[in-house]
Structure formats: structure tokens, C-alpha cells
PDB file of all heavy atoms in Angstrom:
ATOM      1  N   SER A   1       0.804  -1.223   0.000  1.00  0.00           N
ATOM      2  CA  SER A   1       0.000   0.000   0.000  1.00  0.00           C
ATOM      3  C   SER A   1       0.838   1.275   0.000  1.00  0.00           C
ATOM      4  O   SER A   1       0.282   2.379  -0.051  1.00  0.00           O
ATOM      5  CB  SER A   1      -0.941   0.009   1.211  1.00  0.00           C
ATOM      6  OG  SER A   1      -0.197  -0.045   2.422  1.00  0.00           O
ATOM      7  N   VAL A   2       2.168   1.165   0.041  1.00  0.00           N
ATOM      8  CA  VAL A   2       2.993   2.382   0.064  1.00  0.00           C
ATOM      9  C   VAL A   2       2.831   3.136  -1.249  1.00  0.00           C
ATOM     10  O   VAL A   2       2.728   2.525  -2.326  1.00  0.00           O
ATOM     11  CB  VAL A   2       4.478   2.061   0.314  1.00  0.00           C
ATOM     12  CG1 VAL A   2       4.665   1.412   1.663  1.00  0.00           C
ATOM     13  CG2 VAL A   2       5.033   1.179  -0.788  1.00  0.00           C
ATOM     14  N   PRO A   3       2.769   4.463  -1.207  1.00  0.00           N
ATOM     15  CA  PRO A   3       2.596   5.234  -2.447  1.00  0.00           C
ATOM     16  C   PRO A   3       3.885   5.276  -3.265  1.00  0.00           C
ATOM     17  O   PRO A   3       4.983   5.106  -2.732  1.00  0.00           O
ATOM     18  CB  PRO A   3       2.225   6.622  -1.935  1.00  0.00           C
ATOM     19  CG  PRO A   3       2.842   6.719  -0.572  1.00  0.00           C
ATOM     20  CD  PRO A   3       2.771   5.327  -0.004  1.00  0.00           C
ATOM     21  N   VAL A   4       3.736   5.489  -4.539  1.00  0.00           N
ATOM     22  CA  VAL A   4       4.866   5.636  -5.449  1.00  0.00           C
ATOM     23  C   VAL A   4       4.724   6.974  -6.166  1.00  0.00           C
ATOM     24  O   VAL A   4       3.667   7.256  -6.749  1.00  0.00           O
ATOM     25  CB  VAL A   4       4.910   4.487  -6.477  1.00  0.00           C
ATOM     26  CG1 VAL A   4       5.993   4.740  -7.525  1.00  0.00           C
ATOM     27  CG2 VAL A   4       5.155   3.161  -5.772  1.00  0.00           C
ATOM     28  N   ASN A   5       5.764   7.790  -6.116  1.00  0.00           N
ATOM     29  CA  ASN A   5       5.743   9.092  -6.768  1.00  0.00           C
ATOM     30  C   ASN A   5       6.429   9.035  -8.123  1.00  0.00           C
ATOM     31  O   ASN A   5       7.267   8.155  -8.376  1.00  0.00           O
ATOM     32  CB  ASN A   5       6.430  10.138  -5.886  1.00  0.00           C
ATOM     33  CG  ASN A   5       5.729  10.321  -4.554  1.00  0.00           C
ATOM     34  OD1 ASN A   5       4.504  10.420  -4.496  1.00  0.00           O
ATOM     35  ND2 ASN A   5       6.503  10.353  -3.478  1.00  0.00           N
ATOM     36  N   GLU A   6       6.072   9.958  -8.981  1.00  0.00           N
ATOM     37  CA  GLU A   6       6.711  10.037 -10.288  1.00  0.00           C
ATOM     38  C   GLU A   6       8.228  10.173 -10.118  1.00  0.00           C
ATOM     39  O   GLU A   6       8.707  10.995  -9.336  1.00  0.00           O
ATOM     40  CB  GLU A   6       6.163  11.229 -11.076  1.00  0.00           C
ATOM     41  CG  GLU A   6       6.740  11.379 -12.464  1.00  0.00           C
ATOM     42  CD  GLU A   6       6.150  12.550 -13.214  1.00  0.00           C
ATOM     43  OE1 GLU A   6       5.228  13.214 -12.674  1.00  0.00           O
ATOM     44  OE2 GLU A   6       6.606  12.816 -14.344  1.00  0.00           O
ATOM     45  N   GLY A   7       8.982   9.340 -10.809  1.00  0.00           N
ATOM     46  CA  GLY A   7      10.441   9.363 -10.714  1.00  0.00           C
ATOM     47  C   GLY A   7      11.009   8.351  -9.740  1.00  0.00           C
ATOM     48  O   GLY A   7      12.217   8.078  -9.757  1.00  0.00           O
ATOM     49  N   ASP A   8      10.157   7.770  -8.876  1.00  0.00           N
ATOM     50  CA  ASP A   8      10.635   6.739  -7.954  1.00  0.00           C
ATOM     51  C   ASP A   8      11.087   5.511  -8.739  1.00  0.00           C
ATOM     52  O   ASP A   8      10.545   5.197  -9.800  1.00  0.00           O
ATOM     53  CB  ASP A   8       9.534   6.324  -6.977  1.00  0.00           C
ATOM     54  CG  ASP A   8       9.318   7.359  -5.884  1.00  0.00           C
ATOM     55  OD1 ASP A   8      10.115   8.309  -5.800  1.00  0.00           O
ATOM     56  OD2 ASP A   8       8.330   7.217  -5.129  1.00  0.00           O
ATOM     57  N   GLU A   9      12.082   4.790  -8.190  1.00  0.00           N
ATOM     58  CA  GLU A   9      12.571   3.580  -8.842  1.00  0.00           C
ATOM     59  C   GLU A   9      12.291   2.366  -7.969  1.00  0.00           C
ATOM     60  O   GLU A   9      12.647   2.339  -6.796  1.00  0.00           O
ATOM     61  CB  GLU A   9      14.070   3.673  -9.118  1.00  0.00           C
ATOM     62  CG  GLU A   9      14.595   2.444  -9.876  1.00  0.00           C
ATOM     63  CD  GLU A   9      16.083   2.516 -10.161  1.00  0.00           C
ATOM     64  OE1 GLU A   9      16.862   2.314  -9.197  1.00  0.00           O
ATOM     65  OE2 GLU A   9      16.450   2.763 -11.306  1.00  0.00           O
ATOM     66  N   ALA A  10      11.636   1.397  -8.564  1.00  0.00           N
ATOM     67  CA  ALA A  10      11.394   0.129  -7.869  1.00  0.00           C
ATOM     68  C   ALA A  10      12.360  -0.917  -8.395  1.00  0.00           C
ATOM     69  O   ALA A  10      12.596  -1.014  -9.596  1.00  0.00           O
ATOM     70  CB  ALA A  10       9.963  -0.330  -8.093  1.00  0.00           C
ATOM     71  N   GLU A  11      12.939  -1.673  -7.490  1.00  0.00           N
ATOM     72  CA  GLU A  11      13.806  -2.790  -7.848  1.00  0.00           C
ATOM     73  C   GLU A  11      13.155  -4.065  -7.316  1.00  0.00           C
ATOM     74  O   GLU A  11      12.945  -4.215  -6.114  1.00  0.00           O
ATOM     75  CB  GLU A  11      15.192  -2.608  -7.259  1.00  0.00           C
ATOM     76  CG  GLU A  11      16.165  -3.709  -7.657  1.00  0.00           C
ATOM     77  CD  GLU A  11      17.567  -3.473  -7.125  1.00  0.00           C
ATOM     78  OE1 GLU A  11      17.963  -2.294  -6.973  1.00  0.00           O
ATOM     79  OE2 GLU A  11      18.271  -4.462  -6.852  1.00  0.00           O
ATOM     80  N   VAL A  12      12.811  -4.969  -8.224  1.00  0.00           N
ATOM     81  CA  VAL A  12      12.055  -6.165  -7.864  1.00  0.00           C
ATOM     82  C   VAL A  12      12.874  -7.406  -8.198  1.00  0.00           C
ATOM     83  O   VAL A  12      13.407  -7.524  -9.306  1.00  0.00           O
ATOM     84  CB  VAL A  12      10.709  -6.223  -8.616  1.00  0.00           C
ATOM     85  CG1 VAL A  12       9.861  -7.380  -8.096  1.00  0.00           C
ATOM     86  CG2 VAL A  12       9.957  -4.909  -8.481  1.00  0.00           C
ATOM     87  N   THR A  13      12.968  -8.306  -7.244  1.00  0.00           N
ATOM     88  CA  THR A  13      13.590  -9.603  -7.490  1.00  0.00           C
ATOM     89  C   THR A  13      12.490 -10.594  -7.858  1.00  0.00           C
ATOM     90  O   THR A  13      11.592 -10.858  -7.055  1.00  0.00           O
ATOM     91  CB  THR A  13      14.345 -10.096  -6.245  1.00  0.00           C
ATOM     92  OG1 THR A  13      15.353  -9.138  -5.898  1.00  0.00           O
ATOM     93  CG2 THR A  13      15.009 -11.433  -6.519  1.00  0.00           C
ATOM     94  N   LEU A  14      12.537 -11.106  -9.070  1.00  0.00           N
ATOM     95  CA  LEU A  14      11.491 -11.983  -9.582  1.00  0.00           C
ATOM     96  C   LEU A  14      11.917 -13.442  -9.458  1.00  0.00           C
ATOM     97  O   LEU A  14      12.952 -13.837 -10.012  1.00  0.00           O
ATOM     98  CB  LEU A  14      11.191 -11.649 -11.043  1.00  0.00           C
ATOM     99  CG  LEU A  14      10.726 -10.209 -11.312  1.00  0.00           C
ATOM    100  CD1 LEU A  14      10.607  -9.981 -12.813  1.00  0.00           C
ATOM    101  CD2 LEU A  14       9.399  -9.944 -10.622  1.00  0.00           C
ATOM    102  N   PRO A  15      11.135 -14.250  -8.768  1.00  0.00           N
ATOM    103  CA  PRO A  15      11.443 -15.690  -8.676  1.00  0.00           C
ATOM    104  C   PRO A  15      11.351 -16.335 -10.059  1.00  0.00           C
ATOM    105  O   PRO A  15      10.672 -15.827 -10.955  1.00  0.00           O
ATOM    106  CB  PRO A  15      10.359 -16.229  -7.735  1.00  0.00           C
ATOM    107  CG  PRO A  15       9.797 -15.034  -7.046  1.00  0.00           C
ATOM    108  CD  PRO A  15       9.946 -13.887  -8.001  1.00  0.00           C
ATOM    109  N   ASP A  16      12.019 -17.436 -10.221  1.00  0.00           N
ATOM    110  CA  ASP A  16      11.919 -18.165 -11.486  1.00  0.00           C
ATOM    111  C   ASP A  16      10.468 -18.568 -11.729  1.00  0.00           C
ATOM    112  O   ASP A  16       9.775 -19.030 -10.814  1.00  0.00           O
ATOM    113  CB  ASP A  16      12.800 -19.416 -11.448  1.00  0.00           C
ATOM    114  CG  ASP A  16      14.279 -19.069 -11.377  1.00  0.00           C
ATOM    115  OD1 ASP A  16      14.642 -17.994 -11.878  1.00  0.00           O
ATOM    116  OD2 ASP A  16      15.051 -19.874 -10.816  1.00  0.00           O
ATOM    117  N   ALA A  17      10.003 -18.346 -12.947  1.00  0.00           N
ATOM    118  CA  ALA A  17       8.612 -18.610 -13.288  1.00  0.00           C
ATOM    119  C   ALA A  17       8.305 -20.104 -13.242  1.00  0.00           C
ATOM    120  O   ALA A  17       9.133 -20.931 -13.620  1.00  0.00           O
ATOM    121  CB  ALA A  17       8.298 -18.073 -14.683  1.00  0.00           C
ATOM    122  N   VAL A  18       7.113 -20.398 -12.742  1.00  0.00           N
ATOM    123  CA  VAL A  18       6.627 -21.771 -12.801  1.00  0.00           C
ATOM    124  C   VAL A  18       5.973 -21.971 -14.164  1.00  0.00           C
ATOM    125  O   VAL A  18       5.086 -21.221 -14.549  1.00  0.00           O
ATOM    126  CB  VAL A  18       5.592 -22.043 -11.680  1.00  0.00           C
ATOM    127  CG1 VAL A  18       5.041 -23.455 -11.795  1.00  0.00           C
ATOM    128  CG2 VAL A  18       6.228 -21.812 -10.325  1.00  0.00           C
ATOM    129  N   LYS A  19       6.414 -22.937 -14.906  1.00  0.00           N
ATOM    130  CA  LYS A  19       5.903 -23.152 -16.253  1.00  0.00           C
ATOM    131  C   LYS A  19       4.668 -24.040 -16.215  1.00  0.00           C
ATOM    132  O   LYS A  19       4.693 -25.138 -15.676  1.00  0.00           O
ATOM    133  CB  LYS A  19       6.990 -23.779 -17.137  1.00  0.00           C
ATOM    134  CG  LYS A  19       8.164 -22.849 -17.388  1.00  0.00           C
ATOM    135  CD  LYS A  19       9.147 -23.480 -18.364  1.00  0.00           C
ATOM    136  CE  LYS A  19      10.302 -22.521 -18.642  1.00  0.00           C
ATOM    137  NZ  LYS A  19      11.268 -23.112 -19.601  1.00  0.00           N
ATOM    138  N   TYR A  20       3.600 -23.497 -16.792  1.00  0.00           N
ATOM    139  CA  TYR A  20       2.374 -24.265 -16.912  1.00  0.00           C
ATOM    140  C   TYR A  20       2.163 -24.626 -18.373  1.00  0.00           C
ATOM    141  O   TYR A  20       2.486 -23.852 -19.272  1.00  0.00           O
ATOM    142  CB  TYR A  20       1.176 -23.446 -16.421  1.00  0.00           C
ATOM    143  CG  TYR A  20       1.211 -23.135 -14.950  1.00  0.00           C
ATOM    144  CD1 TYR A  20       1.647 -21.886 -14.494  1.00  0.00           C
ATOM    145  CD2 TYR A  20       0.822 -24.078 -14.006  1.00  0.00           C
ATOM    146  CE1 TYR A  20       1.686 -21.599 -13.140  1.00  0.00           C
ATOM    147  CE2 TYR A  20       0.856 -23.799 -12.655  1.00  0.00           C
ATOM    148  CZ  TYR A  20       1.284 -22.557 -12.225  1.00  0.00           C
ATOM    149  OH  TYR A  20       1.333 -22.278 -10.886  1.00  0.00           O
ATOM    150  N   CYS A  21       1.599 -25.761 -18.609  1.00  0.00           N
ATOM    151  CA  CYS A  21       1.322 -26.202 -19.969  1.00  0.00           C
ATOM    152  C   CYS A  21      -0.149 -26.605 -20.046  1.00  0.00           C
ATOM    153  O   CYS A  21      -0.607 -27.424 -19.240  1.00  0.00           O
ATOM    154  CB  CYS A  21       2.227 -27.371 -20.350  1.00  0.00           C
ATOM    155  SG  CYS A  21       1.988 -27.935 -22.040  1.00  0.00           S
ATOM    156  N   ALA A  22      -0.868 -25.989 -20.965  1.00  0.00           N
ATOM    157  CA  ALA A  22      -2.285 -26.322 -21.116  1.00  0.00           C
ATOM    158  C   ALA A  22      -2.430 -27.778 -21.543  1.00  0.00           C
ATOM    159  O   ALA A  22      -1.685 -28.269 -22.386  1.00  0.00           O
ATOM    160  CB  ALA A  22      -2.922 -25.394 -22.142  1.00  0.00           C
ATOM    161  N   LYS A  23      -3.409 -28.459 -20.950  1.00  0.00           N
ATOM    162  CA  LYS A  23      -3.637 -29.868 -21.239  1.00  0.00           C
ATOM    163  C   LYS A  23      -4.969 -30.045 -21.965  1.00  0.00           C
ATOM    164  O   LYS A  23      -5.926 -29.316 -21.709  1.00  0.00           O
ATOM    165  CB  LYS A  23      -3.646 -30.673 -19.935  1.00  0.00           C
ATOM    166  CG  LYS A  23      -2.323 -30.620 -19.187  1.00  0.00           C
ATOM    167  CD  LYS A  23      -2.407 -31.404 -17.880  1.00  0.00           C
ATOM    168  CE  LYS A  23      -1.079 -31.340 -17.118  1.00  0.00           C
ATOM    169  NZ  LYS A  23      -1.153 -32.092 -15.830  1.00  0.00           N
ATOM    170  N   PRO A  24      -5.048 -31.004 -22.865  1.00  0.00           N
ATOM    171  CA  PRO A  24      -6.304 -31.260 -23.581  1.00  0.00           C
ATOM    172  C   PRO A  24      -7.407 -31.689 -22.607  1.00  0.00           C
ATOM    173  O   PRO A  24      -7.174 -32.467 -21.688  1.00  0.00           O
ATOM    174  CB  PRO A  24      -5.945 -32.406 -24.535  1.00  0.00           C
ATOM    175  CG  PRO A  24      -4.461 -32.362 -24.649  1.00  0.00           C
ATOM    176  CD  PRO A  24      -3.959 -31.881 -23.325  1.00  0.00           C
ATOM    177  N   GLU A  25      -8.618 -31.148 -22.829  1.00  0.00           N
ATOM    178  CA  GLU A  25      -9.779 -31.530 -22.034  1.00  0.00           C
ATOM    179  C   GLU A  25     -10.968 -31.708 -22.964  1.00  0.00           C
ATOM    180  O   GLU A  25     -11.189 -30.902 -23.872  1.00  0.00           O
ATOM    181  CB  GLU A  25     -10.102 -30.463 -20.981  1.00  0.00           C
ATOM    182  CG  GLU A  25      -9.053 -30.300 -19.897  1.00  0.00           C
ATOM    183  CD  GLU A  25      -9.482 -29.272 -18.862  1.00  0.00           C
ATOM    184  OE1 GLU A  25     -10.570 -29.435 -18.262  1.00  0.00           O
ATOM    185  OE2 GLU A  25      -8.745 -28.288 -18.667  1.00  0.00           O
ATOM    186  N   ASP A  26     -11.741 -32.730 -22.707  1.00  0.00           N
ATOM    187  CA  ASP A  26     -12.926 -33.018 -23.513  1.00  0.00           C
ATOM    188  C   ASP A  26     -14.072 -32.120 -23.054  1.00  0.00           C
ATOM    189  O   ASP A  26     -14.928 -32.530 -22.261  1.00  0.00           O
ATOM    190  CB  ASP A  26     -13.300 -34.496 -23.397  1.00  0.00           C
ATOM    191  CG  ASP A  26     -14.432 -34.877 -24.346  1.00  0.00           C
ATOM    192  OD1 ASP A  26     -14.836 -34.032 -25.163  1.00  0.00           O
ATOM    193  OD2 ASP A  26     -14.905 -36.028 -24.271  1.00  0.00           O
ATOM    194  N   ILE A  27     -14.075 -30.880 -23.559  1.00  0.00           N
ATOM    195  CA  ILE A  27     -15.082 -29.885 -23.189  1.00  0.00           C
ATOM    196  C   ILE A  27     -15.901 -29.546 -24.427  1.00  0.00           C
ATOM    197  O   ILE A  27     -15.339 -29.288 -25.495  1.00  0.00           O
ATOM    198  CB  ILE A  27     -14.411 -28.597 -22.658  1.00  0.00           C
ATOM    199  CG1 ILE A  27     -13.464 -28.933 -21.496  1.00  0.00           C
ATOM    200  CG2 ILE A  27     -15.456 -27.583 -22.222  1.00  0.00           C
ATOM    201  CD1 ILE A  27     -12.594 -27.764 -21.092  1.00  0.00           C
ATOM    202  N   PRO A  28     -17.219 -29.538 -24.331  1.00  0.00           N
ATOM    203  CA  PRO A  28     -18.042 -29.203 -25.498  1.00  0.00           C
ATOM    204  C   PRO A  28     -17.782 -27.785 -25.989  1.00  0.00           C
ATOM    205  O   PRO A  28     -17.828 -26.827 -25.217  1.00  0.00           O
ATOM    206  CB  PRO A  28     -19.479 -29.336 -24.969  1.00  0.00           C
ATOM    207  CG  PRO A  28     -19.377 -30.203 -23.755  1.00  0.00           C
ATOM    208  CD  PRO A  28     -18.040 -29.896 -23.154  1.00  0.00           C
ATOM    209  N   VAL A  29     -17.469 -27.652 -27.266  1.00  0.00           N
ATOM    210  CA  VAL A  29     -17.327 -26.340 -27.891  1.00  0.00           C
ATOM    211  C   VAL A  29     -17.625 -26.507 -29.382  1.00  0.00           C
ATOM    212  O   VAL A  29     -17.242 -27.514 -29.997  1.00  0.00           O
ATOM    213  CB  VAL A  29     -15.912 -25.751 -27.673  1.00  0.00           C
ATOM    214  CG1 VAL A  29     -14.841 -26.588 -28.355  1.00  0.00           C
ATOM    215  CG2 VAL A  29     -15.842 -24.312 -28.149  1.00  0.00           C
TER     216      VAL A  29
END
């Protein structure tokens, strides 16, 4: 909830992404 002002710099450490893979499903379409 902390405010961010114009010109402020955020440095974010991003965890390694979890890879998802869509799987086939027998859905009516």
C-alpha cells in the first residue's frame, strides 16, 4: 500500500517462473 511518486525507482527480485502447460480436455465447444 505504500505510495509511489513520479520518478521513484522500484527494484524487484522476480522468482523463477513456474511453467504451466495447457492440457487437452474433452469440453463441449
